[in-house]
Every structure is written in structure tokens, then in C-alpha cells.
């Protein structure tokens, strides 16, 4: 039996995503889906090494495609 893992990319992958990649025989990147503004597709929450309760958000600005690119 083969294992297939499907994942929608985020800004920074979590350790559970990397573990899923490691055990899968087939890896599918689901990159043609609707962008969700409030999801983790373009941002990641980073914890401080000395105090895991303290965190900051790391975000990338999504770009819109022009009519010529669509």
C-alpha cells in the first residue's frame, strides 16, 4: 500500500507537515486553491526561544495578479 500526502502550502511549514512529508510515498502540493485571508497561507506565528508564551507574527504581503497574468 502506498501513502499519499496532500498539503496546501503555508508561509513556513510546521513540524507536523515535515513529518507527513517524511512518511508519504507520494507528495502532492495543492497550490491551485482559493486564497484565504485569515488563514496561515501568508503568515506564521513565531514563538520566542526564551519564552514560548511570547510570540510575533511573520507575514508576507500577497500580491494580486494583473489581467494579463490571469
C-alpha atoms as a PDB file:
ATOM      1  CA  UNK A   1       0.000   0.000   0.000  1.00  0.00           C
ATOM      2  CA  UNK A   2       1.281   3.482  -0.895  1.00  0.00           C
ATOM      3  CA  UNK A   3       0.698   6.587   1.204  1.00  0.00           C
ATOM      4  CA  UNK A   4      -0.273   9.879  -0.437  1.00  0.00           C
ATOM      5  CA  UNK A   5       0.001  13.186   1.433  1.00  0.00           C
ATOM      6  CA  UNK A   6      -1.676  16.345   0.119  1.00  0.00           C
ATOM      7  CA  UNK A   7      -0.775  19.732   1.562  1.00  0.00           C
ATOM      8  CA  UNK A   8      -1.709  23.323   0.825  1.00  0.00           C
ATOM      9  CA  UNK A   9       1.466  25.391   1.252  1.00  0.00           C
ATOM     10  CA  UNK A  10       1.876  27.845   4.105  1.00  0.00           C
ATOM     11  CA  UNK A  11       4.482  30.562   4.596  1.00  0.00           C
ATOM     12  CA  UNK A  12       6.528  28.319   6.917  1.00  0.00           C
ATOM     13  CA  UNK A  13       5.760  24.587   7.240  1.00  0.00           C
ATOM     14  CA  UNK A  14       5.058  23.164  10.691  1.00  0.00           C
ATOM     15  CA  UNK A  15       6.945  20.161  12.024  1.00  0.00           C
ATOM     16  CA  UNK A  16       3.831  18.027  11.542  1.00  0.00           C
ATOM     17  CA  UNK A  17       3.903  18.914   7.834  1.00  0.00           C
ATOM     18  CA  UNK A  18       7.516  17.822   7.562  1.00  0.00           C
ATOM     19  CA  UNK A  19       6.669  14.569   9.380  1.00  0.00           C
ATOM     20  CA  UNK A  20       3.820  13.980   6.907  1.00  0.00           C
ATOM     21  CA  UNK A  21       6.263  14.514   4.039  1.00  0.00           C
ATOM     22  CA  UNK A  22       8.722  12.039   5.530  1.00  0.00           C
ATOM     23  CA  UNK A  23       6.244   9.141   5.815  1.00  0.00           C
ATOM     24  CA  UNK A  24       4.479   9.680   2.472  1.00  0.00           C
ATOM     25  CA  UNK A  25       5.304   7.769  -0.689  1.00  0.00           C
ATOM     26  CA  UNK A  26       3.631  10.412  -2.857  1.00  0.00           C
ATOM     27  CA  UNK A  27       3.580  14.136  -2.012  1.00  0.00           C
ATOM     28  CA  UNK A  28       1.042  16.454  -3.678  1.00  0.00           C
ATOM     29  CA  UNK A  29       1.278  20.228  -3.292  1.00  0.00           C
ATOM     30  CA  UNK A  30      -2.218  21.691  -3.517  1.00  0.00           C
ATOM     31  CA  UNK A  31      -1.367  25.150  -4.814  1.00  0.00           C
ATOM     32  CA  UNK A  32      -4.336  25.959  -7.040  1.00  0.00           C
ATOM     33  CA  UNK A  33      -6.933  26.806  -4.376  1.00  0.00           C
ATOM     34  CA  UNK A  34      -8.742  29.905  -3.152  1.00  0.00           C
ATOM     35  CA  UNK A  35      -6.587  32.240  -1.044  1.00  0.00           C
ATOM     36  CA  UNK A  36      -7.994  32.605   2.484  1.00  0.00           C
ATOM     37  CA  UNK A  37      -7.011  35.925   4.059  1.00  0.00           C
ATOM     38  CA  UNK A  38      -7.288  34.876   7.703  1.00  0.00           C
ATOM     39  CA  UNK A  39      -5.513  31.553   7.280  1.00  0.00           C
ATOM     40  CA  UNK A  40      -1.815  30.702   7.599  1.00  0.00           C
ATOM     41  CA  UNK A  41      -1.062  30.732   3.861  1.00  0.00           C
ATOM     42  CA  UNK A  42       0.851  34.013   4.079  1.00  0.00           C
ATOM     43  CA  UNK A  43       1.719  34.307   7.772  1.00  0.00           C
ATOM     44  CA  UNK A  44       3.313  32.350  10.591  1.00  0.00           C
ATOM     45  CA  UNK A  45       3.296  32.791  14.354  1.00  0.00           C
ATOM     46  CA  UNK A  46       6.793  32.553  15.808  1.00  0.00           C
ATOM     47  CA  UNK A  47       7.479  31.916  19.485  1.00  0.00           C
ATOM     48  CA  UNK A  48      10.434  33.399  21.357  1.00  0.00           C
ATOM     49  CA  UNK A  49      13.092  30.831  22.282  1.00  0.00           C
ATOM     50  CA  UNK A  50      13.395  32.010  25.881  1.00  0.00           C
ATOM     51  CA  UNK A  51       9.626  32.467  26.456  1.00  0.00           C
ATOM     52  CA  UNK A  52       7.330  30.269  24.297  1.00  0.00           C
ATOM     53  CA  UNK A  53       4.262  32.156  25.576  1.00  0.00           C
ATOM     54  CA  UNK A  54       5.524  35.316  23.852  1.00  0.00           C
ATOM     55  CA  UNK A  55       5.064  35.324  20.077  1.00  0.00           C
ATOM     56  CA  UNK A  56       5.175  37.528  16.999  1.00  0.00           C
ATOM     57  CA  UNK A  57       3.573  37.257  13.574  1.00  0.00           C
ATOM     58  CA  UNK A  58       5.698  36.974  10.438  1.00  0.00           C
ATOM     59  CA  UNK A  59       3.713  37.881   7.309  1.00  0.00           C
ATOM     60  CA  UNK A  60       4.310  38.213   3.607  1.00  0.00           C
ATOM     61  CA  UNK A  61       2.174  40.555   1.568  1.00  0.00           C
ATOM     62  CA  UNK A  62       0.067  38.710  -1.009  1.00  0.00           C
ATOM     63  CA  UNK A  63       0.314  40.147  -4.496  1.00  0.00           C
ATOM     64  CA  UNK A  64      -2.617  40.395  -6.846  1.00  0.00           C
ATOM     65  CA  UNK A  65      -2.328  39.170 -10.393  1.00  0.00           C
ATOM     66  CA  UNK A  66      -2.902  41.537 -13.262  1.00  0.00           C
ATOM     67  CA  UNK A  67      -5.397  40.759 -16.015  1.00  0.00           C
ATOM     68  CA  UNK A  68      -2.525  39.734 -18.316  1.00  0.00           C
ATOM     69  CA  UNK A  69      -1.331  37.105 -15.807  1.00  0.00           C
ATOM     70  CA  UNK A  70      -4.773  35.500 -15.378  1.00  0.00           C
END
